[in-house]
């Protein structure tokens, strides 16, 4: 072996290492760059997109989309994106202004397009607090929290799938397969949630920090009351707090729950005034950075389990459960473009 060969060999090895180190960056550049408005949508996109996407969430885990203030960096992220996904229904009231300011002109997914809308007026039909007008001046009359009903969330997945196919037709088959797999996982989680909630008496009411569980209530049959309206920015008036204390006395309210996105002192004050226990934390508008509620399916399972542990009576099944389930089973899933 010549000295010339020995001296050349390390150089070729270093070139090979440099190429390998550059590979992840090259792969990342080839991925579809997706920007989502908040963490729940980011998790959905990652499940449908798989290895073909790189997802940036403007509002990170544990962040509050209601009060978020976009930065110039957010506008740059949108300008460089291949696909933008947001909830719509004025959930993130700043998002459309940000899209306009960024001059983004690529594919756009409004995740709630095609859902069965639930108005705040309909909340009262499901046992919600009616001490205030639920038509929030920032959010309109329609409840935007549709992901809280996992059968409504199927529409989100179909919209995300179609948006990814529009942005990256070459990987359409992968997006369809990933979406179908994820929908099956969602159906499993939905069945688990129903089994847990069915052991909670139908007359039970619970109180959370803000009005974000309307779709959950409609889908699964737990009555939610709230000291404030939709926005986490709102603080309840003294009169509304007093009215809620009266409601607690009149209704079958069994427990209070913190939310990860709301002022916990409000619920703590109610606990002190009523003697009701604070039975845990529910997640409505954002995932956590780590733990069970760091994914959408984990968050939904966590909420059902916490409610069950606080409120369930073993062996109890809600009256009319079979009819309620048939209504969901008869739902025309073809409308969701599965």
C-alpha atoms as a PDB file:
ATOM      1  CA  UNK A   1       0.000   0.000   0.000  1.00  0.00           C
ATOM      2  CA  UNK A   2       1.526   3.305  -1.026  1.00  0.00           C
ATOM      3  CA  UNK A   3       1.949   6.311   1.203  1.00  0.00           C
ATOM      4  CA  UNK A   4      -0.071   8.256  -1.362  1.00  0.00           C
ATOM      5  CA  UNK A   5      -3.070   5.957  -0.749  1.00  0.00           C
ATOM      6  CA  UNK A   6      -2.742   6.251   3.009  1.00  0.00           C
ATOM      7  CA  UNK A   7      -2.668  10.016   2.820  1.00  0.00           C
ATOM      8  CA  UNK A   8      -5.725  10.092   0.517  1.00  0.00           C
ATOM      9  CA  UNK A   9      -7.895   7.739   2.522  1.00  0.00           C
ATOM     10  CA  UNK A  10      -8.662  10.023   5.518  1.00  0.00           C
ATOM     11  CA  UNK A  11      -9.664  12.803   3.159  1.00  0.00           C
ATOM     12  CA  UNK A  12     -12.209  10.589   1.394  1.00  0.00           C
ATOM     13  CA  UNK A  13     -13.528   9.397   4.779  1.00  0.00           C
ATOM     14  CA  UNK A  14     -14.040  12.989   5.912  1.00  0.00           C
ATOM     15  CA  UNK A  15     -15.931  13.786   2.727  1.00  0.00           C
ATOM     16  CA  UNK A  16     -18.231  10.825   3.426  1.00  0.00           C
ATOM     17  CA  UNK A  17     -18.861  11.947   7.005  1.00  0.00           C
ATOM     18  CA  UNK A  18     -19.615  15.487   5.838  1.00  0.00           C
ATOM     19  CA  UNK A  19     -22.163  14.141   3.377  1.00  0.00           C
ATOM     20  CA  UNK A  20     -23.864  12.083   6.082  1.00  0.00           C
ATOM     21  CA  UNK A  21     -23.992  15.059   8.441  1.00  0.00           C
ATOM     22  CA  UNK A  22     -25.586  17.178   5.708  1.00  0.00           C
ATOM     23  CA  UNK A  23     -28.203  14.499   4.938  1.00  0.00           C
ATOM     24  CA  UNK A  24     -30.710  15.352   7.728  1.00  0.00           C
ATOM     25  CA  UNK A  25     -30.761  18.986   6.612  1.00  0.00           C
ATOM     26  CA  UNK A  26     -31.327  17.922   3.021  1.00  0.00           C
ATOM     27  CA  UNK A  27     -34.166  15.619   4.075  1.00  0.00           C
ATOM     28  CA  UNK A  28     -35.724  18.411   6.119  1.00  0.00           C
ATOM     29  CA  UNK A  29     -35.549  20.722   3.106  1.00  0.00           C
ATOM     30  CA  UNK A  30     -37.478  18.151   1.067  1.00  0.00           C
ATOM     31  CA  UNK A  31     -40.255  17.806   3.620  1.00  0.00           C
ATOM     32  CA  UNK A  32     -43.474  19.752   3.229  1.00  0.00           C
ATOM     33  CA  UNK A  33     -43.189  22.807   5.465  1.00  0.00           C
ATOM     34  CA  UNK A  34     -46.470  23.063   7.375  1.00  0.00           C
ATOM     35  CA  UNK A  35     -47.407  25.892   9.744  1.00  0.00           C
ATOM     36  CA  UNK A  36     -50.308  25.345  12.136  1.00  0.00           C
ATOM     37  CA  UNK A  37     -51.935  27.881  14.397  1.00  0.00           C
ATOM     38  CA  UNK A  38     -51.812  25.836  17.614  1.00  0.00           C
ATOM     39  CA  UNK A  39     -50.548  22.604  19.130  1.00  0.00           C
ATOM     40  CA  UNK A  40     -53.566  20.311  18.681  1.00  0.00           C
ATOM     41  CA  UNK A  41     -53.557  20.898  14.928  1.00  0.00           C
ATOM     42  CA  UNK A  42     -49.784  20.385  14.838  1.00  0.00           C
ATOM     43  CA  UNK A  43     -50.177  16.911  16.346  1.00  0.00           C
ATOM     44  CA  UNK A  44     -52.898  16.014  13.851  1.00  0.00           C
ATOM     45  CA  UNK A  45     -50.745  17.150  10.925  1.00  0.00           C
ATOM     46  CA  UNK A  46     -47.773  15.168  12.197  1.00  0.00           C
ATOM     47  CA  UNK A  47     -49.900  12.030  12.362  1.00  0.00           C
ATOM     48  CA  UNK A  48     -51.259  12.454   8.838  1.00  0.00           C
ATOM     49  CA  UNK A  49     -48.056  13.792   7.301  1.00  0.00           C
ATOM     50  CA  UNK A  50     -45.637  11.404   8.958  1.00  0.00           C
ATOM     51  CA  UNK A  51     -42.080  11.522   7.642  1.00  0.00           C
ATOM     52  CA  UNK A  52     -43.023  13.784   4.750  1.00  0.00           C
ATOM     53  CA  UNK A  53     -43.773  16.904   6.803  1.00  0.00           C
ATOM     54  CA  UNK A  54     -41.997  19.323   9.071  1.00  0.00           C
ATOM     55  CA  UNK A  55     -44.504  21.105  11.298  1.00  0.00           C
ATOM     56  CA  UNK A  56     -44.191  24.471  13.012  1.00  0.00           C
ATOM     57  CA  UNK A  57     -46.897  25.466  15.502  1.00  0.00           C
ATOM     58  CA  UNK A  58     -47.255  29.218  15.987  1.00  0.00           C
ATOM     59  CA  UNK A  59     -48.785  28.743  19.452  1.00  0.00           C
ATOM     60  CA  UNK A  60     -46.670  26.128  21.183  1.00  0.00           C
ATOM     61  CA  UNK A  61     -47.743  23.464  23.653  1.00  0.00           C
ATOM     62  CA  UNK A  62     -49.082  25.028  26.866  1.00  0.00           C
ATOM     63  CA  UNK A  63     -49.693  28.260  24.910  1.00  0.00           C
ATOM     64  CA  UNK A  64     -52.999  30.108  24.764  1.00  0.00           C
ATOM     65  CA  UNK A  65     -54.282  30.766  21.239  1.00  0.00           C
ATOM     66  CA  UNK A  66     -56.983  33.106  22.604  1.00  0.00           C
ATOM     67  CA  UNK A  67     -54.484  35.722  23.766  1.00  0.00           C
ATOM     68  CA  UNK A  68     -51.573  35.001  21.415  1.00  0.00           C
ATOM     69  CA  UNK A  69     -49.859  37.954  19.761  1.00  0.00           C
ATOM     70  CA  UNK A  70     -48.100  37.051  16.487  1.00  0.00           C
ATOM     71  CA  UNK A  71     -44.497  38.139  15.936  1.00  0.00           C
ATOM     72  CA  UNK A  72     -42.649  39.195  12.765  1.00  0.00           C
ATOM     73  CA  UNK A  73     -41.033  35.757  12.884  1.00  0.00           C
ATOM     74  CA  UNK A  74     -44.477  34.184  12.550  1.00  0.00           C
ATOM     75  CA  UNK A  75     -45.075  36.121   9.344  1.00  0.00           C
ATOM     76  CA  UNK A  76     -41.736  34.849   7.998  1.00  0.00           C
ATOM     77  CA  UNK A  77     -42.712  31.283   8.916  1.00  0.00           C
ATOM     78  CA  UNK A  78     -45.911  31.617   6.921  1.00  0.00           C
ATOM     79  CA  UNK A  79     -44.109  33.179   3.978  1.00  0.00           C
ATOM     80  CA  UNK A  80     -41.822  30.115   3.796  1.00  0.00           C
ATOM     81  CA  UNK A  81     -44.567  27.520   4.300  1.00  0.00           C
ATOM     82  CA  UNK A  82     -45.965  25.068   1.775  1.00  0.00           C
ATOM     83  CA  UNK A  83     -49.195  24.605   3.736  1.00  0.00           C
ATOM     84  CA  UNK A  84     -50.947  26.544   6.503  1.00  0.00           C
ATOM     85  CA  UNK A  85     -53.541  24.901   8.772  1.00  0.00           C
ATOM     86  CA  UNK A  86     -55.760  26.759  11.228  1.00  0.00           C
ATOM     87  CA  UNK A  87     -58.984  26.018  13.084  1.00  0.00           C
ATOM     88  CA  UNK A  88     -61.249  28.800  11.861  1.00  0.00           C
ATOM     89  CA  UNK A  89     -64.557  29.961  13.375  1.00  0.00           C
ATOM     90  CA  UNK A  90     -62.577  32.871  14.857  1.00  0.00           C
ATOM     91  CA  UNK A  91     -60.875  30.568  17.384  1.00  0.00           C
ATOM     92  CA  UNK A  92     -57.603  32.275  16.544  1.00  0.00           C
ATOM     93  CA  UNK A  93     -58.932  35.700  15.618  1.00  0.00           C
ATOM     94  CA  UNK A  94     -55.440  36.940  14.744  1.00  0.00           C
ATOM     95  CA  UNK A  95     -54.715  34.216  12.181  1.00  0.00           C
ATOM     96  CA  UNK A  96     -56.392  35.643   9.097  1.00  0.00           C
ATOM     97  CA  UNK A  97     -54.736  39.022   9.687  1.00  0.00           C
ATOM     98  CA  UNK A  98     -51.376  37.269   9.994  1.00  0.00           C
ATOM     99  CA  UNK A  99     -51.925  35.354   6.750  1.00  0.00           C
ATOM    100  CA  UNK A 100     -52.738  38.601   4.978  1.00  0.00           C
ATOM    101  CA  UNK A 101     -49.711  40.388   6.440  1.00  0.00           C
ATOM    102  CA  UNK A 102     -47.358  37.573   5.433  1.00  0.00           C
ATOM    103  CA  UNK A 103     -48.428  37.586   1.759  1.00  0.00           C
ATOM    104  CA  UNK A 104     -48.793  33.804   1.985  1.00  0.00           C
ATOM    105  CA  UNK A 105     -50.385  32.437  -1.173  1.00  0.00           C
ATOM    106  CA  UNK A 106     -49.965  28.665  -0.794  1.00  0.00           C
ATOM    107  CA  UNK A 107     -52.382  25.928   0.181  1.00  0.00           C
ATOM    108  CA  UNK A 108     -54.603  26.806   3.142  1.00  0.00           C
ATOM    109  CA  UNK A 109     -56.657  24.456   5.329  1.00  0.00           C
ATOM    110  CA  UNK A 110     -59.472  25.669   7.568  1.00  0.00           C
ATOM    111  CA  UNK A 111     -59.776  22.557   9.710  1.00  0.00           C
ATOM    112  CA  UNK A 112     -63.421  23.137  10.700  1.00  0.00           C
ATOM    113  CA  UNK A 113     -64.725  23.344   7.122  1.00  0.00           C
ATOM    114  CA  UNK A 114     -67.621  20.893   6.886  1.00  0.00           C
ATOM    115  CA  UNK A 115     -68.196  20.211  10.590  1.00  0.00           C
ATOM    116  CA  UNK A 116     -71.654  20.157  12.152  1.00  0.00           C
ATOM    117  CA  UNK A 117     -71.595  23.560  13.820  1.00  0.00           C
ATOM    118  CA  UNK A 118     -72.630  23.935  17.433  1.00  0.00           C
ATOM    119  CA  UNK A 119     -73.847  27.378  18.425  1.00  0.00           C
ATOM    120  CA  UNK A 120     -73.478  28.789  21.896  1.00  0.00           C
ATOM    121  CA  UNK A 121     -77.254  29.015  22.060  1.00  0.00           C
ATOM    122  CA  UNK A 122     -77.325  25.224  21.717  1.00  0.00           C
ATOM    123  CA  UNK A 123     -75.139  24.871  24.801  1.00  0.00           C
ATOM    124  CA  UNK A 124     -78.093  25.615  27.038  1.00  0.00           C
ATOM    125  CA  UNK A 125     -79.915  22.627  25.556  1.00  0.00           C
ATOM    126  CA  UNK A 126     -77.114  20.435  26.888  1.00  0.00           C
ATOM    127  CA  UNK A 127     -77.191  21.834  30.393  1.00  0.00           C
ATOM    128  CA  UNK A 128     -74.653  24.639  30.007  1.00  0.00           C
ATOM    129  CA  UNK A 129     -74.500  27.730  32.117  1.00  0.00           C
ATOM    130  CA  UNK A 130     -76.961  30.313  30.815  1.00  0.00           C
ATOM    131  CA  UNK A 131     -76.138  33.178  33.153  1.00  0.00           C
ATOM    132  CA  UNK A 132     -74.386  35.072  30.359  1.00  0.00           C
ATOM    133  CA  UNK A 133     -74.813  35.683  26.667  1.00  0.00           C
ATOM    134  CA  UNK A 134     -72.510  33.186  24.995  1.00  0.00           C
ATOM    135  CA  UNK A 135     -72.197  35.204  21.788  1.00  0.00           C
ATOM    136  CA  UNK A 136     -68.618  36.321  22.379  1.00  0.00           C
ATOM    137  CA  UNK A 137     -67.767  39.617  20.671  1.00  0.00           C
ATOM    138  CA  UNK A 138     -64.467  38.200  19.389  1.00  0.00           C
ATOM    139  CA  UNK A 139     -65.670  34.727  18.437  1.00  0.00           C
ATOM    140  CA  UNK A 140     -69.195  35.087  17.158  1.00  0.00           C
ATOM    141  CA  UNK A 141     -72.068  32.694  17.782  1.00  0.00           C
ATOM    142  CA  UNK A 142     -70.434  29.414  16.720  1.00  0.00           C
ATOM    143  CA  UNK A 143     -68.402  27.328  19.131  1.00  0.00           C
ATOM    144  CA  UNK A 144     -64.979  26.695  17.521  1.00  0.00           C
ATOM    145  CA  UNK A 145     -63.842  23.850  19.834  1.00  0.00           C
ATOM    146  CA  UNK A 146     -65.062  21.065  17.538  1.00  0.00           C
ATOM    147  CA  UNK A 147     -62.062  18.805  18.190  1.00  0.00           C
ATOM    148  CA  UNK A 148     -63.624  18.060  21.596  1.00  0.00           C
ATOM    149  CA  UNK A 149     -66.012  15.681  19.758  1.00  0.00           C
ATOM    150  CA  UNK A 150     -63.807  13.027  18.191  1.00  0.00           C
ATOM    151  CA  UNK A 151     -66.353  12.265  15.488  1.00  0.00           C
ATOM    152  CA  UNK A 152     -66.294  15.936  14.468  1.00  0.00           C
ATOM    153  CA  UNK A 153     -62.495  15.752  14.545  1.00  0.00           C
ATOM    154  CA  UNK A 154     -62.682  13.209  11.720  1.00  0.00           C
ATOM    155  CA  UNK A 155     -63.525  16.194   9.503  1.00  0.00           C
ATOM    156  CA  UNK A 156     -60.309  17.886  10.654  1.00  0.00           C
ATOM    157  CA  UNK A 157     -58.299  14.853   9.550  1.00  0.00           C
ATOM    158  CA  UNK A 158     -59.992  14.692   6.145  1.00  0.00           C
ATOM    159  CA  UNK A 159     -59.308  18.396   5.585  1.00  0.00           C
ATOM    160  CA  UNK A 160     -55.665  18.052   6.669  1.00  0.00           C
ATOM    161  CA  UNK A 161     -55.211  15.004   4.430  1.00  0.00           C
ATOM    162  CA  UNK A 162     -56.630  16.846   1.434  1.00  0.00           C
ATOM    163  CA  UNK A 163     -54.510  19.917   2.148  1.00  0.00           C
ATOM    164  CA  UNK A 164     -51.339  17.838   2.279  1.00  0.00           C
ATOM    165  CA  UNK A 165     -52.260  16.154  -1.010  1.00  0.00           C
ATOM    166  CA  UNK A 166     -52.779  19.586  -2.579  1.00  0.00           C
ATOM    167  CA  UNK A 167     -49.365  20.736  -1.342  1.00  0.00           C
ATOM    168  CA  UNK A 168     -47.547  17.474  -2.117  1.00  0.00           C
ATOM    169  CA  UNK A 169     -49.367  15.275  -4.616  1.00  0.00           C
ATOM    170  CA  UNK A 170     -46.346  12.965  -4.996  1.00  0.00           C
ATOM    171  CA  UNK A 171     -46.980  11.522  -1.530  1.00  0.00           C
ATOM    172  CA  UNK A 172     -50.781  11.406  -1.773  1.00  0.00           C
ATOM    173  CA  UNK A 173     -50.945   7.643  -1.126  1.00  0.00           C
ATOM    174  CA  UNK A 174     -48.938   8.001   2.081  1.00  0.00           C
ATOM    175  CA  UNK A 175     -51.195  10.779   3.340  1.00  0.00           C
ATOM    176  CA  UNK A 176     -54.309   8.722   2.617  1.00  0.00           C
ATOM    177  CA  UNK A 177     -52.881   5.674   4.392  1.00  0.00           C
ATOM    178  CA  UNK A 178     -51.705   7.693   7.392  1.00  0.00           C
ATOM    179  CA  UNK A 179     -55.069   9.425   7.676  1.00  0.00           C
ATOM    180  CA  UNK A 180     -56.940   6.118   7.567  1.00  0.00           C
ATOM    181  CA  UNK A 181     -54.691   4.651  10.258  1.00  0.00           C
ATOM    182  CA  UNK A 182     -55.123   7.714  12.446  1.00  0.00           C
ATOM    183  CA  UNK A 183     -58.905   7.662  11.998  1.00  0.00           C
ATOM    184  CA  UNK A 184     -58.917   4.068  13.233  1.00  0.00           C
ATOM    185  CA  UNK A 185     -56.906   5.100  16.299  1.00  0.00           C
ATOM    186  CA  UNK A 186     -59.365   7.949  16.886  1.00  0.00           C
ATOM    187  CA  UNK A 187     -62.323   5.556  16.658  1.00  0.00           C
ATOM    188  CA  UNK A 188     -60.706   3.333  19.286  1.00  0.00           C
ATOM    189  CA  UNK A 189     -60.126   6.300  21.595  1.00  0.00           C
ATOM    190  CA  UNK A 190     -63.683   7.542  21.023  1.00  0.00           C
ATOM    191  CA  UNK A 191     -65.090   4.160  22.086  1.00  0.00           C
ATOM    192  CA  UNK A 192     -62.913   4.188  25.216  1.00  0.00           C
ATOM    193  CA  UNK A 193     -64.123   7.676  26.104  1.00  0.00           C
ATOM    194  CA  UNK A 194     -67.774   6.686  25.673  1.00  0.00           C
ATOM    195  CA  UNK A 195     -67.294   3.644  27.914  1.00  0.00           C
ATOM    196  CA  UNK A 196     -65.840   5.842  30.670  1.00  0.00           C
ATOM    197  CA  UNK A 197     -68.356   8.674  30.396  1.00  0.00           C
ATOM    198  CA  UNK A 198     -71.302   6.255  30.286  1.00  0.00           C
ATOM    199  CA  UNK A 199     -70.636   5.465  33.966  1.00  0.00           C
ATOM    200  CA  UNK A 200     -71.202   9.117  34.943  1.00  0.00           C
ATOM    201  CA  UNK A 201     -74.853   9.841  35.886  1.00  0.00           C
ATOM    202  CA  UNK A 202     -76.593  11.976  33.269  1.00  0.00           C
ATOM    203  CA  UNK A 203     -77.703  14.550  35.822  1.00  0.00           C
ATOM    204  CA  UNK A 204     -74.119  15.343  36.844  1.00  0.00           C
ATOM    205  CA  UNK A 205     -72.743  18.822  36.171  1.00  0.00           C
ATOM    206  CA  UNK A 206     -69.151  19.979  36.406  1.00  0.00           C
ATOM    207  CA  UNK A 207     -67.520  23.401  36.306  1.00  0.00           C
ATOM    208  CA  UNK A 208     -64.466  24.385  34.278  1.00  0.00           C
ATOM    209  CA  UNK A 209     -62.587  27.619  33.716  1.00  0.00           C
ATOM    210  CA  UNK A 210     -64.100  28.726  30.389  1.00  0.00           C
ATOM    211  CA  UNK A 211     -66.736  27.582  27.938  1.00  0.00           C
ATOM    212  CA  UNK A 212     -64.745  25.165  25.785  1.00  0.00           C
ATOM    213  CA  UNK A 213     -66.414  21.778  26.266  1.00  0.00           C
ATOM    214  CA  UNK A 214     -69.679  22.283  24.368  1.00  0.00           C
ATOM    215  CA  UNK A 215     -68.830  19.680  21.709  1.00  0.00           C
ATOM    216  CA  UNK A 216     -67.640  17.257  24.379  1.00  0.00           C
ATOM    217  CA  UNK A 217     -70.919  17.714  26.221  1.00  0.00           C
ATOM    218  CA  UNK A 218     -72.968  17.243  23.076  1.00  0.00           C
ATOM    219  CA  UNK A 219     -71.045  14.121  22.055  1.00  0.00           C
ATOM    220  CA  UNK A 220     -70.566  12.363  25.373  1.00  0.00           C
ATOM    221  CA  UNK A 221     -73.275  13.721  27.656  1.00  0.00           C
ATOM    222  CA  UNK A 222     -71.494  15.501  30.512  1.00  0.00           C
ATOM    223  CA  UNK A 223     -72.966  18.869  31.542  1.00  0.00           C
ATOM    224  CA  UNK A 224     -70.382  21.660  31.748  1.00  0.00           C
ATOM    225  CA  UNK A 225     -70.831  25.032  33.433  1.00  0.00           C
ATOM    226  CA  UNK A 226     -68.383  27.912  33.207  1.00  0.00           C
ATOM    227  CA  UNK A 227     -67.850  31.120  35.210  1.00  0.00           C
ATOM    228  CA  UNK A 228     -66.769  32.952  32.030  1.00  0.00           C
ATOM    229  CA  UNK A 229     -67.580  32.746  28.335  1.00  0.00           C
ATOM    230  CA  UNK A 230     -65.449  31.474  25.508  1.00  0.00           C
ATOM    231  CA  UNK A 231     -62.372  33.650  25.867  1.00  0.00           C
ATOM    232  CA  UNK A 232     -59.687  32.912  28.444  1.00  0.00           C
ATOM    233  CA  UNK A 233     -59.138  36.688  28.579  1.00  0.00           C
ATOM    234  CA  UNK A 234     -62.467  37.228  30.312  1.00  0.00           C
ATOM    235  CA  UNK A 235     -62.822  37.576  34.064  1.00  0.00           C
ATOM    236  CA  UNK A 236     -66.195  36.776  35.594  1.00  0.00           C
ATOM    237  CA  UNK A 237     -68.129  39.607  37.151  1.00  0.00           C
ATOM    238  CA  UNK A 238     -69.106  39.457  40.798  1.00  0.00           C
ATOM    239  CA  UNK A 239     -72.710  38.993  39.751  1.00  0.00           C
ATOM    240  CA  UNK A 240     -71.910  36.073  37.455  1.00  0.00           C
ATOM    241  CA  UNK A 241     -69.831  34.383  40.168  1.00  0.00           C
ATOM    242  CA  UNK A 242     -72.692  34.798  42.629  1.00  0.00           C
ATOM    243  CA  UNK A 243     -75.128  33.402  40.072  1.00  0.00           C
ATOM    244  CA  UNK A 244     -72.851  30.426  39.514  1.00  0.00           C
ATOM    245  CA  UNK A 245     -72.698  29.713  43.248  1.00  0.00           C
ATOM    246  CA  UNK A 246     -76.513  29.659  43.195  1.00  0.00           C
ATOM    247  CA  UNK A 247     -76.472  27.286  40.201  1.00  0.00           C
ATOM    248  CA  UNK A 248     -74.076  24.980  42.047  1.00  0.00           C
ATOM    249  CA  UNK A 249     -76.547  24.841  44.911  1.00  0.00           C
ATOM    250  CA  UNK A 250     -79.462  24.110  42.588  1.00  0.00           C
ATOM    251  CA  UNK A 251     -77.811  21.696  40.139  1.00  0.00           C
ATOM    252  CA  UNK A 252     -76.167  18.370  40.755  1.00  0.00           C
ATOM    253  CA  UNK A 253     -72.660  19.831  40.571  1.00  0.00           C
ATOM    254  CA  UNK A 254     -70.212  17.266  41.896  1.00  0.00           C
ATOM    255  CA  UNK A 255     -66.785  18.700  41.181  1.00  0.00           C
ATOM    256  CA  UNK A 256     -64.731  21.609  39.890  1.00  0.00           C
ATOM    257  CA  UNK A 257     -61.908  21.274  37.366  1.00  0.00           C
ATOM    258  CA  UNK A 258     -58.981  23.475  36.498  1.00  0.00           C
ATOM    259  CA  UNK A 259     -58.123  24.034  32.843  1.00  0.00           C
ATOM    260  CA  UNK A 260     -54.550  24.338  31.685  1.00  0.00           C
ATOM    261  CA  UNK A 261     -55.348  27.581  29.823  1.00  0.00           C
ATOM    262  CA  UNK A 262     -57.405  29.556  32.341  1.00  0.00           C
ATOM    263  CA  UNK A 263     -56.933  31.538  35.521  1.00  0.00           C
ATOM    264  CA  UNK A 264     -56.961  28.862  38.201  1.00  0.00           C
ATOM    265  CA  UNK A 265     -57.760  31.358  40.960  1.00  0.00           C
ATOM    266  CA  UNK A 266     -61.362  31.569  39.680  1.00  0.00           C
ATOM    267  CA  UNK A 267     -61.977  27.864  40.247  1.00  0.00           C
ATOM    268  CA  UNK A 268     -60.055  27.990  43.518  1.00  0.00           C
ATOM    269  CA  UNK A 269     -62.375  30.799  44.700  1.00  0.00           C
ATOM    270  CA  UNK A 270     -65.431  28.737  43.770  1.00  0.00           C
ATOM    271  CA  UNK A 271     -64.046  25.764  45.681  1.00  0.00           C
ATOM    272  CA  UNK A 272     -63.591  27.935  48.773  1.00  0.00           C
ATOM    273  CA  UNK A 273     -67.100  29.375  48.535  1.00  0.00           C
ATOM    274  CA  UNK A 274     -68.905  26.103  47.827  1.00  0.00           C
ATOM    275  CA  UNK A 275     -66.817  23.414  49.501  1.00  0.00           C
ATOM    276  CA  UNK A 276     -66.687  21.424  46.264  1.00  0.00           C
ATOM    277  CA  UNK A 277     -63.459  19.551  45.492  1.00  0.00           C
ATOM    278  CA  UNK A 278     -61.134  20.495  42.646  1.00  0.00           C
ATOM    279  CA  UNK A 279     -60.956  17.087  40.999  1.00  0.00           C
ATOM    280  CA  UNK A 280     -58.108  17.637  38.522  1.00  0.00           C
ATOM    281  CA  UNK A 281     -57.052  19.476  35.390  1.00  0.00           C
ATOM    282  CA  UNK A 282     -58.738  19.209  32.002  1.00  0.00           C
ATOM    283  CA  UNK A 283     -57.120  20.164  28.706  1.00  0.00           C
ATOM    284  CA  UNK A 284     -59.210  22.060  26.193  1.00  0.00           C
ATOM    285  CA  UNK A 285     -57.293  24.422  23.895  1.00  0.00           C
ATOM    286  CA  UNK A 286     -53.676  23.264  24.037  1.00  0.00           C
ATOM    287  CA  UNK A 287     -51.555  20.180  24.499  1.00  0.00           C
ATOM    288  CA  UNK A 288     -48.883  19.940  27.152  1.00  0.00           C
ATOM    289  CA  UNK A 289     -45.190  19.861  26.312  1.00  0.00           C
ATOM    290  CA  UNK A 290     -44.821  16.381  27.797  1.00  0.00           C
ATOM    291  CA  UNK A 291     -46.870  13.654  29.428  1.00  0.00           C
ATOM    292  CA  UNK A 292     -50.187  12.018  28.579  1.00  0.00           C
ATOM    293  CA  UNK A 293     -51.810  15.186  27.238  1.00  0.00           C
ATOM    294  CA  UNK A 294     -48.931  15.959  24.852  1.00  0.00           C
ATOM    295  CA  UNK A 295     -50.890  14.368  21.979  1.00  0.00           C
ATOM    296  CA  UNK A 296     -54.468  14.910  20.852  1.00  0.00           C
ATOM    297  CA  UNK A 297     -55.542  11.324  21.562  1.00  0.00           C
ATOM    298  CA  UNK A 298     -53.746  11.384  24.909  1.00  0.00           C
ATOM    299  CA  UNK A 299     -55.442  14.662  25.848  1.00  0.00           C
ATOM    300  CA  UNK A 300     -58.891  13.293  25.063  1.00  0.00           C
ATOM    301  CA  UNK A 301     -58.243  10.083  27.001  1.00  0.00           C
ATOM    302  CA  UNK A 302     -56.862  12.092  29.932  1.00  0.00           C
ATOM    303  CA  UNK A 303     -59.966  14.287  30.117  1.00  0.00           C
ATOM    304  CA  UNK A 304     -62.303  11.279  30.050  1.00  0.00           C
ATOM    305  CA  UNK A 305     -60.307   9.442  32.693  1.00  0.00           C
ATOM    306  CA  UNK A 306     -60.158  12.454  35.044  1.00  0.00           C
ATOM    307  CA  UNK A 307     -63.909  12.994  34.703  1.00  0.00           C
ATOM    308  CA  UNK A 308     -64.562   9.289  35.267  1.00  0.00           C
ATOM    309  CA  UNK A 309     -62.380   9.102  38.362  1.00  0.00           C
ATOM    310  CA  UNK A 310     -64.141  12.092  39.905  1.00  0.00           C
ATOM    311  CA  UNK A 311     -67.744  11.409  38.919  1.00  0.00           C
ATOM    312  CA  UNK A 312     -68.431   7.822  37.838  1.00  0.00           C
ATOM    313  CA  UNK A 313     -70.602   5.376  39.688  1.00  0.00           C
ATOM    314  CA  UNK A 314     -69.640   1.783  38.787  1.00  0.00           C
ATOM    315  CA  UNK A 315     -72.416  -0.172  37.144  1.00  0.00           C
ATOM    316  CA  UNK A 316     -74.280   2.989  36.180  1.00  0.00           C
ATOM    317  CA  UNK A 317     -75.202   3.657  32.579  1.00  0.00           C
ATOM    318  CA  UNK A 318     -76.870   6.827  31.368  1.00  0.00           C
ATOM    319  CA  UNK A 319     -80.525   6.517  30.356  1.00  0.00           C
ATOM    320  CA  UNK A 320     -80.892   6.795  26.609  1.00  0.00           C
ATOM    321  CA  UNK A 321     -77.289   5.786  25.970  1.00  0.00           C
ATOM    322  CA  UNK A 322     -78.234   3.360  23.205  1.00  0.00           C
ATOM    323  CA  UNK A 323     -80.222   6.026  21.355  1.00  0.00           C
ATOM    324  CA  UNK A 324     -77.380   8.518  21.707  1.00  0.00           C
ATOM    325  CA  UNK A 325     -74.884   6.007  20.351  1.00  0.00           C
ATOM    326  CA  UNK A 326     -77.139   5.123  17.414  1.00  0.00           C
ATOM    327  CA  UNK A 327     -77.334   8.795  16.475  1.00  0.00           C
ATOM    328  CA  UNK A 328     -73.556   8.855  16.155  1.00  0.00           C
ATOM    329  CA  UNK A 329     -73.318   5.470  14.441  1.00  0.00           C
ATOM    330  CA  UNK A 330     -75.886   6.559  11.852  1.00  0.00           C
ATOM    331  CA  UNK A 331     -73.896   9.695  11.060  1.00  0.00           C
ATOM    332  CA  UNK A 332     -73.015   9.773   7.383  1.00  0.00           C
ATOM    333  CA  UNK A 333     -69.244   9.433   7.393  1.00  0.00           C
ATOM    334  CA  UNK A 334     -69.166   9.808   3.632  1.00  0.00           C
ATOM    335  CA  UNK A 335     -69.585  13.516   4.189  1.00  0.00           C
ATOM    336  CA  UNK A 336     -66.149  13.453   5.767  1.00  0.00           C
ATOM    337  CA  UNK A 337     -64.579  12.212   2.511  1.00  0.00           C
ATOM    338  CA  UNK A 338     -63.103   9.145   4.074  1.00  0.00           C
END
